[in-house]
Amino acid sequence: MRPHYSLLEADKHSGGSDISATQILRGFPRALLRPVVWAPIVALVGVFFDLHLPSFVAGTLTTLGSASTGSALVLTGLVISAQSFRFTGGVAITTLLKLVGQPFFALCMMVLFRMDHNDIRNITVISAIPGGFFGVVFGKEFNATPEIASSGLIGTYLFGWATLALWMLITAKFF
């Protein structure tokens, strides 16, 4: 499950006060009602039990998925252009963790589990791609302050070109 939705639910219902562990636990059922939480769980169960969708449903989802790629790029541009950018310590940490920490963690896990070299390269590079806009959108929905999230998102796009190239070089040379 995605625990950050429970945190957002707890923050939304905290009334501006500190969030307690009981508020987070109370937020889990509300978070489970959101399709963004339960839909991936249903998909995992379907894959685990090797369930197949009827062809007309699969075709519809394929069409929607194809259309959403371009829409996501446009929406990312709109979200980024609507946000102000302030480079603070929190933004630097967010950007560094996304562009360096996340790919490094993925690389370490794949080496630890002795995965195939092609998988190591692909997964490391995929995890080094700049972040998506969903955190900003969900933060707005829950009345959370998105300043660090939006500035961190912009930061990953500003610096991602360099770190992505660096991760590609590292994985090509050593894996």
C-alpha atoms as a PDB file:
ATOM      1  CA  MET A   1       0.000   0.000   0.000  1.00  0.00           C
ATOM      2  CA  ARG A   2       1.063   3.585  -0.371  1.00  0.00           C
ATOM      3  CA  PRO A   3       1.585   4.893   3.172  1.00  0.00           C
ATOM      4  CA  HIS A   4       2.038   8.507   2.063  1.00  0.00           C
ATOM      5  CA  TYR A   5      -1.695   8.669   1.267  1.00  0.00           C
ATOM      6  CA  SER A   6      -2.396   7.750   4.853  1.00  0.00           C
ATOM      7  CA  LEU A   7      -0.072  10.572   5.919  1.00  0.00           C
ATOM      8  CA  LEU A   8      -1.866  13.000   3.610  1.00  0.00           C
ATOM      9  CA  GLU A   9      -5.238  11.860   4.982  1.00  0.00           C
ATOM     10  CA  ALA A  10      -3.982  12.301   8.561  1.00  0.00           C
ATOM     11  CA  ASP A  11      -2.631  15.757   7.767  1.00  0.00           C
ATOM     12  CA  LYS A  12      -5.886  16.765   6.100  1.00  0.00           C
ATOM     13  CA  HIS A  13      -7.889  15.825   9.199  1.00  0.00           C
ATOM     14  CA  SER A  14      -5.377  17.094  11.785  1.00  0.00           C
ATOM     15  CA  GLY A  15      -6.593  20.680  11.621  1.00  0.00           C
ATOM     16  CA  GLY A  16      -3.056  22.030  11.380  1.00  0.00           C
ATOM     17  CA  SER A  17      -1.811  20.320  14.546  1.00  0.00           C
ATOM     18  CA  ASP A  18       0.861  17.653  14.828  1.00  0.00           C
ATOM     19  CA  ILE A  19       0.071  14.260  13.357  1.00  0.00           C
ATOM     20  CA  SER A  20      -0.003  11.285  15.723  1.00  0.00           C
ATOM     21  CA  ALA A  21       0.416   7.582  14.987  1.00  0.00           C
ATOM     22  CA  THR A  22      -3.283   6.994  15.681  1.00  0.00           C
ATOM     23  CA  GLN A  23      -4.236   9.643  13.126  1.00  0.00           C
ATOM     24  CA  ILE A  24      -2.013   7.902  10.569  1.00  0.00           C
ATOM     25  CA  LEU A  25      -3.629   4.535  11.359  1.00  0.00           C
ATOM     26  CA  ARG A  26      -7.075   6.121  11.032  1.00  0.00           C
ATOM     27  CA  GLY A  27      -6.001   7.508   7.659  1.00  0.00           C
ATOM     28  CA  PHE A  28      -5.335   4.028   6.207  1.00  0.00           C
ATOM     29  CA  PRO A  29      -9.011   3.110   5.639  1.00  0.00           C
ATOM     30  CA  ARG A  30      -9.698   6.501   4.016  1.00  0.00           C
ATOM     31  CA  ALA A  31      -6.602   6.073   1.835  1.00  0.00           C
ATOM     32  CA  LEU A  32      -7.780   2.602   0.773  1.00  0.00           C
ATOM     33  CA  LEU A  33     -10.945   4.145  -0.663  1.00  0.00           C
ATOM     34  CA  ARG A  34      -8.909   6.068  -3.238  1.00  0.00           C
ATOM     35  CA  PRO A  35      -8.517   4.336  -6.630  1.00  0.00           C
ATOM     36  CA  VAL A  36      -4.882   5.397  -6.824  1.00  0.00           C
ATOM     37  CA  VAL A  37      -4.281   3.095  -3.839  1.00  0.00           C
ATOM     38  CA  TRP A  38      -6.580   0.122  -4.466  1.00  0.00           C
ATOM     39  CA  ALA A  39      -6.257  -0.105  -8.274  1.00  0.00           C
ATOM     40  CA  PRO A  40      -2.580  -1.173  -8.230  1.00  0.00           C
ATOM     41  CA  ILE A  41      -3.399  -3.724  -5.524  1.00  0.00           C
ATOM     42  CA  VAL A  42      -6.189  -5.175  -7.696  1.00  0.00           C
ATOM     43  CA  ALA A  43      -3.769  -5.266 -10.657  1.00  0.00           C
ATOM     44  CA  LEU A  44      -1.141  -7.130  -8.614  1.00  0.00           C
ATOM     45  CA  VAL A  45      -3.723  -9.673  -7.468  1.00  0.00           C
ATOM     46  CA  GLY A  46      -4.830 -10.142 -11.080  1.00  0.00           C
ATOM     47  CA  VAL A  47      -1.258 -10.710 -12.239  1.00  0.00           C
ATOM     48  CA  PHE A  48      -0.554 -13.071  -9.347  1.00  0.00           C
ATOM     49  CA  PHE A  49      -3.569 -15.230 -10.169  1.00  0.00           C
ATOM     50  CA  ASP A  50      -2.930 -14.903 -13.945  1.00  0.00           C
ATOM     51  CA  LEU A  51      -6.334 -13.346 -14.594  1.00  0.00           C
ATOM     52  CA  HIS A  52      -6.977 -11.926 -18.055  1.00  0.00           C
ATOM     53  CA  LEU A  53      -9.305  -9.123 -18.997  1.00  0.00           C
ATOM     54  CA  PRO A  54     -11.774  -9.523 -21.862  1.00  0.00           C
ATOM     55  CA  SER A  55     -10.331  -8.256 -25.146  1.00  0.00           C
ATOM     56  CA  PHE A  56     -12.676  -5.239 -25.332  1.00  0.00           C
ATOM     57  CA  VAL A  57     -11.581  -4.112 -21.832  1.00  0.00           C
ATOM     58  CA  ALA A  58      -7.897  -4.678 -22.627  1.00  0.00           C
ATOM     59  CA  GLY A  59      -8.287  -2.747 -25.893  1.00  0.00           C
ATOM     60  CA  THR A  60      -9.992   0.145 -24.126  1.00  0.00           C
ATOM     61  CA  LEU A  61      -7.281   0.309 -21.448  1.00  0.00           C
ATOM     62  CA  THR A  62      -4.567   0.168 -24.117  1.00  0.00           C
ATOM     63  CA  THR A  63      -6.153   3.105 -25.948  1.00  0.00           C
ATOM     64  CA  LEU A  64      -6.487   5.110 -22.722  1.00  0.00           C
ATOM     65  CA  GLY A  65      -2.907   4.275 -21.764  1.00  0.00           C
ATOM     66  CA  SER A  66      -1.601   5.408 -25.146  1.00  0.00           C
ATOM     67  CA  ALA A  67      -3.469   8.699 -24.889  1.00  0.00           C
ATOM     68  CA  SER A  68      -2.339   9.317 -21.321  1.00  0.00           C
ATOM     69  CA  THR A  69       1.371   9.387 -22.252  1.00  0.00           C
ATOM     70  CA  GLY A  70       1.078  12.628 -24.195  1.00  0.00           C
ATOM     71  CA  SER A  71      -1.416  14.042 -21.720  1.00  0.00           C
ATOM     72  CA  ALA A  72       0.977  13.356 -18.847  1.00  0.00           C
ATOM     73  CA  LEU A  73       3.722  15.322 -20.569  1.00  0.00           C
ATOM     74  CA  VAL A  74       1.409  18.266 -21.191  1.00  0.00           C
ATOM     75  CA  LEU A  75       0.079  18.135 -17.625  1.00  0.00           C
ATOM     76  CA  THR A  76       3.612  17.965 -16.221  1.00  0.00           C
ATOM     77  CA  GLY A  77       4.478  21.101 -18.169  1.00  0.00           C
ATOM     78  CA  LEU A  78       1.351  22.866 -16.925  1.00  0.00           C
ATOM     79  CA  VAL A  79       1.968  21.882 -13.312  1.00  0.00           C
ATOM     80  CA  ILE A  80       5.606  22.944 -13.460  1.00  0.00           C
ATOM     81  CA  SER A  81       4.791  26.265 -15.131  1.00  0.00           C
ATOM     82  CA  ALA A  82       2.157  27.049 -12.487  1.00  0.00           C
ATOM     83  CA  GLN A  83       4.570  26.535  -9.570  1.00  0.00           C
ATOM     84  CA  SER A  84       7.123  28.945  -8.226  1.00  0.00           C
ATOM     85  CA  PHE A  85      10.684  27.722  -7.779  1.00  0.00           C
ATOM     86  CA  ARG A  86      12.692  28.421  -4.642  1.00  0.00           C
ATOM     87  CA  PHE A  87      15.966  26.560  -4.181  1.00  0.00           C
ATOM     88  CA  THR A  88      16.163  25.752  -0.468  1.00  0.00           C
ATOM     89  CA  GLY A  89      17.929  23.073   1.562  1.00  0.00           C
ATOM     90  CA  GLY A  90      14.843  20.853   1.432  1.00  0.00           C
ATOM     91  CA  VAL A  91      14.672  21.191  -2.341  1.00  0.00           C
ATOM     92  CA  ALA A  92      18.377  20.339  -2.646  1.00  0.00           C
ATOM     93  CA  ILE A  93      17.905  17.212  -0.511  1.00  0.00           C
ATOM     94  CA  THR A  94      14.771  16.180  -2.435  1.00  0.00           C
ATOM     95  CA  THR A  95      16.535  16.646  -5.772  1.00  0.00           C
ATOM     96  CA  LEU A  96      19.688  14.847  -4.634  1.00  0.00           C
ATOM     97  CA  LEU A  97      17.758  11.908  -3.190  1.00  0.00           C
ATOM     98  CA  LYS A  98      15.690  11.495  -6.360  1.00  0.00           C
ATOM     99  CA  LEU A  99      18.513  11.862  -8.860  1.00  0.00           C
ATOM    100  CA  VAL A 100      21.381  10.217  -6.954  1.00  0.00           C
ATOM    101  CA  GLY A 101      20.007   8.354  -3.936  1.00  0.00           C
ATOM    102  CA  GLN A 102      17.180   6.480  -5.636  1.00  0.00           C
ATOM    103  CA  PRO A 103      19.274   5.142  -8.566  1.00  0.00           C
ATOM    104  CA  PHE A 104      22.131   4.280  -6.189  1.00  0.00           C
ATOM    105  CA  PHE A 105      19.739   2.366  -3.921  1.00  0.00           C
ATOM    106  CA  ALA A 106      18.273   0.528  -6.941  1.00  0.00           C
ATOM    107  CA  LEU A 107      21.769  -0.296  -8.190  1.00  0.00           C
ATOM    108  CA  CYS A 108      22.828  -1.645  -4.785  1.00  0.00           C
ATOM    109  CA  MET A 109      19.700  -3.800  -4.484  1.00  0.00           C
ATOM    110  CA  MET A 110      20.152  -5.266  -7.954  1.00  0.00           C
ATOM    111  CA  VAL A 111      23.836  -6.024  -7.362  1.00  0.00           C
ATOM    112  CA  LEU A 112      22.946  -7.540  -3.978  1.00  0.00           C
ATOM    113  CA  PHE A 113      20.400  -9.846  -5.609  1.00  0.00           C
ATOM    114  CA  ARG A 114      22.807 -10.584  -8.508  1.00  0.00           C
ATOM    115  CA  MET A 115      20.433  -9.533 -11.229  1.00  0.00           C
ATOM    116  CA  ASP A 116      21.259  -9.689 -14.921  1.00  0.00           C
ATOM    117  CA  HIS A 117      23.518  -6.888 -16.207  1.00  0.00           C
ATOM    118  CA  ASN A 118      20.881  -5.656 -18.668  1.00  0.00           C
ATOM    119  CA  ASP A 119      18.331  -5.436 -15.853  1.00  0.00           C
ATOM    120  CA  ILE A 120      20.824  -3.553 -13.681  1.00  0.00           C
ATOM    121  CA  ARG A 121      21.421  -1.009 -16.454  1.00  0.00           C
ATOM    122  CA  ASN A 122      17.767  -0.572 -17.345  1.00  0.00           C
ATOM    123  CA  ILE A 123      16.381  -0.308 -13.822  1.00  0.00           C
ATOM    124  CA  THR A 124      19.143   2.042 -12.668  1.00  0.00           C
ATOM    125  CA  VAL A 125      18.580   4.390 -15.597  1.00  0.00           C
ATOM    126  CA  ILE A 126      14.785   4.254 -15.196  1.00  0.00           C
ATOM    127  CA  SER A 127      15.089   5.117 -11.507  1.00  0.00           C
ATOM    128  CA  ALA A 128      17.284   8.110 -12.439  1.00  0.00           C
ATOM    129  CA  ILE A 129      14.620   9.718 -14.621  1.00  0.00           C
ATOM    130  CA  PRO A 130      13.345  13.008 -13.133  1.00  0.00           C
ATOM    131  CA  GLY A 131      10.262  12.793 -10.927  1.00  0.00           C
ATOM    132  CA  GLY A 132       6.636  12.987 -11.960  1.00  0.00           C
ATOM    133  CA  PHE A 133       4.093  15.609 -11.012  1.00  0.00           C
ATOM    134  CA  PHE A 134       1.725  13.348  -9.071  1.00  0.00           C
ATOM    135  CA  GLY A 135       3.040  14.364  -5.654  1.00  0.00           C
ATOM    136  CA  VAL A 136       2.241  17.991  -6.413  1.00  0.00           C
ATOM    137  CA  VAL A 137      -1.249  17.124  -7.679  1.00  0.00           C
ATOM    138  CA  PHE A 138      -2.056  14.880  -4.697  1.00  0.00           C
ATOM    139  CA  GLY A 139      -0.610  17.416  -2.279  1.00  0.00           C
ATOM    140  CA  LYS A 140      -2.955  20.071  -3.648  1.00  0.00           C
ATOM    141  CA  GLU A 141      -5.907  17.692  -3.308  1.00  0.00           C
ATOM    142  CA  PHE A 142      -5.132  17.214   0.384  1.00  0.00           C
ATOM    143  CA  ASN A 143      -4.456  20.917   1.038  1.00  0.00           C
ATOM    144  CA  ALA A 144      -0.808  20.104   1.754  1.00  0.00           C
ATOM    145  CA  THR A 145       1.789  22.778   1.071  1.00  0.00           C
ATOM    146  CA  PRO A 146       3.480  21.749  -2.175  1.00  0.00           C
ATOM    147  CA  GLU A 147       6.374  24.233  -2.182  1.00  0.00           C
ATOM    148  CA  ILE A 148       9.169  21.704  -1.581  1.00  0.00           C
ATOM    149  CA  ALA A 149       7.464  19.068  -3.729  1.00  0.00           C
ATOM    150  CA  SER A 150       6.985  21.407  -6.690  1.00  0.00           C
ATOM    151  CA  SER A 151      10.411  23.002  -6.371  1.00  0.00           C
ATOM    152  CA  GLY A 152      11.938  19.520  -5.974  1.00  0.00           C
ATOM    153  CA  LEU A 153      10.137  18.422  -9.127  1.00  0.00           C
ATOM    154  CA  ILE A 154      11.505  21.402 -11.014  1.00  0.00           C
ATOM    155  CA  GLY A 155      14.945  20.720  -9.505  1.00  0.00           C
ATOM    156  CA  THR A 156      14.918  17.148 -10.812  1.00  0.00           C
ATOM    157  CA  TYR A 157      14.186  18.432 -14.302  1.00  0.00           C
ATOM    158  CA  LEU A 158      16.874  21.135 -14.081  1.00  0.00           C
ATOM    159  CA  PHE A 159      19.610  18.746 -12.959  1.00  0.00           C
ATOM    160  CA  GLY A 160      18.254  15.454 -14.309  1.00  0.00           C
ATOM    161  CA  TRP A 161      19.856  15.791 -17.716  1.00  0.00           C
ATOM    162  CA  ALA A 162      23.319  15.641 -16.136  1.00  0.00           C
ATOM    163  CA  THR A 163      22.677  12.896 -13.588  1.00  0.00           C
ATOM    164  CA  LEU A 164      20.771  10.731 -16.080  1.00  0.00           C
ATOM    165  CA  ALA A 165      23.715  10.911 -18.481  1.00  0.00           C
ATOM    166  CA  LEU A 166      26.079  10.113 -15.605  1.00  0.00           C
ATOM    167  CA  TRP A 167      24.060   7.039 -14.573  1.00  0.00           C
ATOM    168  CA  MET A 168      23.964   5.883 -18.190  1.00  0.00           C
ATOM    169  CA  LEU A 169      27.750   6.220 -18.363  1.00  0.00           C
ATOM    170  CA  ILE A 170      28.289   4.417 -15.046  1.00  0.00           C
ATOM    171  CA  THR A 171      26.022   1.502 -15.936  1.00  0.00           C
ATOM    172  CA  ALA A 172      27.481   1.174 -19.444  1.00  0.00           C
ATOM    173  CA  LYS A 173      31.048   1.154 -18.157  1.00  0.00           C
ATOM    174  CA  PHE A 174      30.695  -1.094 -15.111  1.00  0.00           C
ATOM    175  CA  PHE A 175      27.664  -3.274 -15.872  1.00  0.00           C
END
